[in-house]
Structures are given as C-alpha cells and as structure tokens.
C-alpha cells in the first residue's frame, strides 16, 4: 500500500493499518506533545498526542519537516529500517 492509498482510507481503516502493520522507529517529546515515528509500508506515520496519551492524531508523510525533528535520533537506522521488506 502506498501513502496515497493509505490517506484515501476511512480514518478507522487507517487506524487498523497503523496498529496491525506499523514498526516503531523513534520518539520525540516536546513541552506540549509526544511524537512517535513509525514505518508503514514505504512511508512514515507520526502518532502525536498530548502527554497523557489522549487525543492521538496520525500524520502520514514521506519526508519533510515532520521527519527533520527526528534527526537527533539515528536517521541512518530509520532509513535502513524503511528498506527492510517485512512480510505483509
């Protein structure tokens, strides 16, 4: 599944794909929110929530500013993880 197909799913189906198939890569806490980076197929999904874990939001992307904040985390590992072919 590509990012366009994922974004075309109903929200409930996006959550199902996320929980069933995402691979955790890194987290990035800030003062207002928690950000968790995952790999799903050949793109990234960031799960963002407040510090209590309430009101989670999924954001799918391939590159850009959302990924930049994880550069302090081992980006080579993240990119390497994306190249691994996991069975579906």
C-alpha atoms as a PDB file:
ATOM      1  CA  UNK A   1       0.000   0.000   0.000  1.00  0.00           C
ATOM      2  CA  UNK A   2       1.274   3.469  -0.849  1.00  0.00           C
ATOM      3  CA  UNK A   3       0.797   6.685   1.037  1.00  0.00           C
ATOM      4  CA  UNK A   4      -1.960   7.918  -1.314  1.00  0.00           C
ATOM      5  CA  UNK A   5      -3.937   4.709  -0.829  1.00  0.00           C
ATOM      6  CA  UNK A   6      -3.448   4.944   2.956  1.00  0.00           C
ATOM      7  CA  UNK A   7      -4.640   8.551   3.022  1.00  0.00           C
ATOM      8  CA  UNK A   8      -7.667   7.545   0.955  1.00  0.00           C
ATOM      9  CA  UNK A   9      -8.834   5.081   3.618  1.00  0.00           C
ATOM     10  CA  UNK A  10     -11.501   5.976   6.158  1.00  0.00           C
ATOM     11  CA  UNK A  11      -9.993   7.043   9.481  1.00  0.00           C
ATOM     12  CA  UNK A  12     -10.964   3.782  11.206  1.00  0.00           C
ATOM     13  CA  UNK A  13      -9.247   1.776   8.456  1.00  0.00           C
ATOM     14  CA  UNK A  14      -6.135   3.949   8.761  1.00  0.00           C
ATOM     15  CA  UNK A  15      -6.003   3.140  12.483  1.00  0.00           C
ATOM     16  CA  UNK A  16      -6.415  -0.587  11.718  1.00  0.00           C
ATOM     17  CA  UNK A  17      -3.496  -0.499   9.253  1.00  0.00           C
ATOM     18  CA  UNK A  18      -1.441   1.504  11.725  1.00  0.00           C
ATOM     19  CA  UNK A  19      -1.941  -0.861  14.671  1.00  0.00           C
ATOM     20  CA  UNK A  20      -1.570  -4.017  12.560  1.00  0.00           C
ATOM     21  CA  UNK A  21       1.448  -3.140  10.416  1.00  0.00           C
ATOM     22  CA  UNK A  22       3.477  -0.188  11.731  1.00  0.00           C
ATOM     23  CA  UNK A  23       7.018  -0.603  13.023  1.00  0.00           C
ATOM     24  CA  UNK A  24       8.159   1.798  15.760  1.00  0.00           C
ATOM     25  CA  UNK A  25      11.274   3.802  14.874  1.00  0.00           C
ATOM     26  CA  UNK A  26      11.697   6.684  17.344  1.00  0.00           C
ATOM     27  CA  UNK A  27      10.018   9.106  19.698  1.00  0.00           C
ATOM     28  CA  UNK A  28      10.384  12.827  20.215  1.00  0.00           C
ATOM     29  CA  UNK A  29       8.831  14.501  23.260  1.00  0.00           C
ATOM     30  CA  UNK A  30       8.414  18.248  23.444  1.00  0.00           C
ATOM     31  CA  UNK A  31       6.773  20.516  26.017  1.00  0.00           C
ATOM     32  CA  UNK A  32       3.285  20.227  24.550  1.00  0.00           C
ATOM     33  CA  UNK A  33       3.049  16.842  22.816  1.00  0.00           C
ATOM     34  CA  UNK A  34       4.527  13.399  22.355  1.00  0.00           C
ATOM     35  CA  UNK A  35       5.563  12.393  18.852  1.00  0.00           C
ATOM     36  CA  UNK A  36       6.220   8.781  17.832  1.00  0.00           C
ATOM     37  CA  UNK A  37       7.654   7.894  14.431  1.00  0.00           C
ATOM     38  CA  UNK A  38       6.663   4.636  12.723  1.00  0.00           C
ATOM     39  CA  UNK A  39       7.316   2.941   9.390  1.00  0.00           C
ATOM     40  CA  UNK A  40       4.311   1.737   7.443  1.00  0.00           C
ATOM     41  CA  UNK A  41       4.991   0.145   4.064  1.00  0.00           C
ATOM     42  CA  UNK A  42       7.295   2.658   2.292  1.00  0.00           C
ATOM     43  CA  UNK A  43       6.391   5.831   4.207  1.00  0.00           C
ATOM     44  CA  UNK A  44       6.380   7.278   7.711  1.00  0.00           C
ATOM     45  CA  UNK A  45       3.485   7.731  10.100  1.00  0.00           C
ATOM     46  CA  UNK A  46       3.801  10.038  13.094  1.00  0.00           C
ATOM     47  CA  UNK A  47       1.499   9.453  16.041  1.00  0.00           C
ATOM     48  CA  UNK A  48       1.090  12.677  18.003  1.00  0.00           C
ATOM     49  CA  UNK A  49      -0.749  13.041  21.311  1.00  0.00           C
ATOM     50  CA  UNK A  50      -0.753  15.165  24.414  1.00  0.00           C
ATOM     51  CA  UNK A  51       1.417  13.933  27.291  1.00  0.00           C
ATOM     52  CA  UNK A  52      -1.457  11.960  28.788  1.00  0.00           C
ATOM     53  CA  UNK A  53      -1.791   9.990  25.550  1.00  0.00           C
ATOM     54  CA  UNK A  54      -5.208  11.456  24.878  1.00  0.00           C
ATOM     55  CA  UNK A  55      -6.351  12.789  21.511  1.00  0.00           C
ATOM     56  CA  UNK A  56      -3.952  10.863  19.248  1.00  0.00           C
ATOM     57  CA  UNK A  57      -3.526  12.031  15.659  1.00  0.00           C
ATOM     58  CA  UNK A  58      -1.925  10.171  12.737  1.00  0.00           C
ATOM     59  CA  UNK A  59       0.109  12.042  10.133  1.00  0.00           C
ATOM     60  CA  UNK A  60       1.494  10.136   7.131  1.00  0.00           C
ATOM     61  CA  UNK A  61       4.417  11.550   5.128  1.00  0.00           C
ATOM     62  CA  UNK A  62       7.472  10.565   3.107  1.00  0.00           C
ATOM     63  CA  UNK A  63       9.899  13.375   4.042  1.00  0.00           C
ATOM     64  CA  UNK A  64       9.994  16.999   5.153  1.00  0.00           C
ATOM     65  CA  UNK A  65       9.778  18.999   8.383  1.00  0.00           C
ATOM     66  CA  UNK A  66       7.983  16.279  10.352  1.00  0.00           C
ATOM     67  CA  UNK A  67      10.955  13.988   9.771  1.00  0.00           C
ATOM     68  CA  UNK A  68      13.544  16.682  10.493  1.00  0.00           C
ATOM     69  CA  UNK A  69      12.880  16.701  14.252  1.00  0.00           C
ATOM     70  CA  UNK A  70      13.999  13.066  14.423  1.00  0.00           C
ATOM     71  CA  UNK A  71      17.442  13.874  13.013  1.00  0.00           C
ATOM     72  CA  UNK A  72      18.803  13.824  16.563  1.00  0.00           C
ATOM     73  CA  UNK A  73      17.726  10.180  16.596  1.00  0.00           C
ATOM     74  CA  UNK A  74      19.805   7.846  14.417  1.00  0.00           C
ATOM     75  CA  UNK A  75      18.404   8.772  10.990  1.00  0.00           C
ATOM     76  CA  UNK A  76      20.556   6.172   9.230  1.00  0.00           C
ATOM     77  CA  UNK A  77      18.788   3.477  11.268  1.00  0.00           C
ATOM     78  CA  UNK A  78      15.385   4.909  10.367  1.00  0.00           C
ATOM     79  CA  UNK A  79      16.184   4.988   6.665  1.00  0.00           C
ATOM     80  CA  UNK A  80      17.663   1.499   6.851  1.00  0.00           C
ATOM     81  CA  UNK A  81      14.520   0.215   8.554  1.00  0.00           C
ATOM     82  CA  UNK A  82      12.439   1.583   5.696  1.00  0.00           C
ATOM     83  CA  UNK A  83      14.422  -0.537   3.228  1.00  0.00           C
ATOM     84  CA  UNK A  84      13.688  -3.763   5.080  1.00  0.00           C
ATOM     85  CA  UNK A  85      10.985  -5.819   3.399  1.00  0.00           C
ATOM     86  CA  UNK A  86       8.694  -7.144   6.098  1.00  0.00           C
ATOM     87  CA  UNK A  87       6.132  -9.790   5.191  1.00  0.00           C
ATOM     88  CA  UNK A  88       2.592  -8.487   4.990  1.00  0.00           C
END
